[in-house]
Structure formats: structure tokens, C-alpha cells
Amino acid sequence: VKALACKFLEDLPLRIPRLERELEAGSLDAALNTSHGIGGAAANMGAPALRAVARRIEDACKAGDLAAARASIDDLNTQFAELAPVLRAMAGS
């Protein structure tokens, strides 16, 4: 679990800004892939709220709804910010 938490803490701060850039560029296919990866990682970490937001973005991308996908980014950042301290404790950092 410690290694997973460490990897998650290293990876998500890179993936979320990438997702934001993809959405800003209107790259729905890329954003769909990135949001799917975030959701999978969240599921592996047992983070259902973060997973749900990533899924919402993924679904919006599938539907071609760029505005809805963009509207969920703040929620994604909030969920990660709430989860990060718990993960840091799990990682021992």
C-alpha cells in the first residue's frame, strides 16, 4: 500500500494539469484517456469520490461535452487535495 500511495502522489499532480491542458485545447480524446487513467488509479487507491469525478469527466468527454468536462476540473482538484494528506500518511511522508 505504501508504494501505491507514493506512486499515486507522484503521478496525480502530473496527470491533473495534463487533463486541464487537454480540455483547454479541446482534445476530448486525449482528455478521455487521461480521465480514464485517473479514475482507474483512484479506484485502485480506494478513493471513490475522486473516481466519481474522473468518471464524470470521462463521460462528458465521451458525450462530446467539453463544457461539462471543464466544469468538473475544480471538483477533481478538490477531491485530490482532500485525499492527498491521507495518502501522505499512508506513504509515511
Protein backbone atom coordinates (compact mmCIF):
# COMPACT_ATOMS: atom_id res chain seq x y z
CA VAL A 1 0.00 0.00 0.00
CA LYS A 2 2.86 2.36 0.80
CA ALA A 3 4.33 2.00 -2.70
CA LEU A 4 0.92 2.55 -4.31
CA ALA A 5 0.33 5.68 -2.25
CA CYS A 6 3.75 7.03 -3.20
CA LYS A 7 3.16 6.36 -6.89
CA PHE A 8 -0.28 7.95 -6.74
CA LEU A 9 1.14 11.06 -5.04
CA GLU A 10 3.83 11.33 -7.71
CA ASP A 11 1.53 10.67 -10.64
CA LEU A 12 -1.69 12.60 -9.98
CA PRO A 13 -0.06 16.03 -9.67
CA LEU A 14 1.18 15.45 -13.23
CA ARG A 15 -1.99 13.92 -14.67
CA ILE A 16 -4.44 16.56 -13.45
CA PRO A 17 -2.64 19.52 -15.10
CA ARG A 18 -2.27 17.41 -18.27
CA LEU A 19 -6.03 16.83 -18.22
CA GLU A 20 -6.61 20.55 -17.76
CA ARG A 21 -4.36 21.34 -20.75
CA GLU A 22 -6.12 18.74 -22.89
CA LEU A 23 -9.51 20.20 -22.05
CA GLU A 24 -8.31 23.74 -22.68
CA ALA A 25 -7.07 22.60 -26.09
CA GLY A 26 -10.39 20.89 -26.79
CA SER A 27 -8.69 17.49 -27.11
CA LEU A 28 -11.57 15.33 -25.97
CA ASP A 29 -9.96 12.02 -26.97
CA ALA A 30 -6.80 12.78 -25.01
CA ALA A 31 -8.82 14.06 -22.06
CA LEU A 32 -10.97 10.94 -22.14
CA ASN A 33 -7.86 8.74 -21.89
CA THR A 34 -6.33 10.83 -19.11
CA SER A 35 -9.54 11.00 -17.08
CA HIS A 36 -9.99 7.24 -17.50
CA GLY A 37 -6.47 6.71 -16.14
CA ILE A 38 -7.14 9.00 -13.19
CA GLY A 39 -10.34 7.15 -12.43
CA GLY A 40 -8.61 3.80 -12.57
CA ALA A 41 -5.84 4.97 -10.28
CA ALA A 42 -8.42 6.38 -7.85
CA ALA A 43 -10.31 3.08 -7.87
CA ASN A 44 -7.08 1.20 -7.11
CA MET A 45 -6.46 3.51 -4.14
CA GLY A 46 -10.00 3.12 -2.81
CA ALA A 47 -10.88 6.75 -3.49
CA PRO A 48 -14.49 6.61 -4.70
CA ALA A 49 -15.15 10.37 -4.65
CA LEU A 50 -12.11 11.09 -6.81
CA ARG A 51 -13.03 8.20 -9.08
CA ALA A 52 -16.57 9.54 -9.46
CA VAL A 53 -15.36 12.96 -10.57
CA ALA A 54 -12.90 11.42 -13.03
CA ARG A 55 -15.72 9.26 -14.37
CA ARG A 56 -17.94 12.32 -14.75
CA ILE A 57 -15.21 13.98 -16.84
CA GLU A 58 -14.70 10.80 -18.84
CA ASP A 59 -18.44 10.54 -19.54
CA ALA A 60 -18.58 14.20 -20.59
CA CYS A 61 -15.68 13.62 -22.98
CA LYS A 62 -17.42 10.58 -24.45
CA ALA A 63 -20.54 12.70 -24.98
CA GLY A 64 -18.51 15.48 -26.61
CA ASP A 65 -19.49 17.89 -23.82
CA LEU A 66 -16.32 19.93 -23.34
CA ALA A 67 -18.05 22.47 -21.08
CA ALA A 68 -19.23 19.78 -18.66
CA ALA A 69 -15.79 18.18 -18.60
CA ARG A 70 -14.13 21.53 -17.89
CA ALA A 71 -16.70 22.31 -15.19
CA SER A 72 -15.59 19.26 -13.19
CA ILE A 73 -11.88 20.13 -13.02
CA ASP A 74 -12.22 22.19 -9.83
CA ASP A 75 -14.04 19.29 -8.17
CA LEU A 76 -11.28 16.91 -9.30
CA ASN A 77 -8.63 19.18 -7.77
CA THR A 78 -10.65 19.47 -4.56
CA GLN A 79 -11.04 15.71 -4.24
CA PHE A 80 -7.33 15.17 -4.77
CA ALA A 81 -6.44 17.91 -2.26
CA GLU A 82 -8.65 16.20 0.34
CA LEU A 83 -7.17 12.79 -0.39
CA ALA A 84 -3.50 13.80 -0.53
CA PRO A 85 -2.93 14.12 3.26
CA VAL A 86 -4.37 10.64 3.82
CA LEU A 87 -2.10 9.24 1.13
CA ARG A 88 0.93 11.04 2.53
CA ALA A 89 0.23 9.41 5.89
CA MET A 90 -0.07 6.01 4.19
CA ALA A 91 3.19 6.64 2.32
CA GLY A 92 4.92 7.70 5.50
CA SER A 93 5.90 11.10 4.16
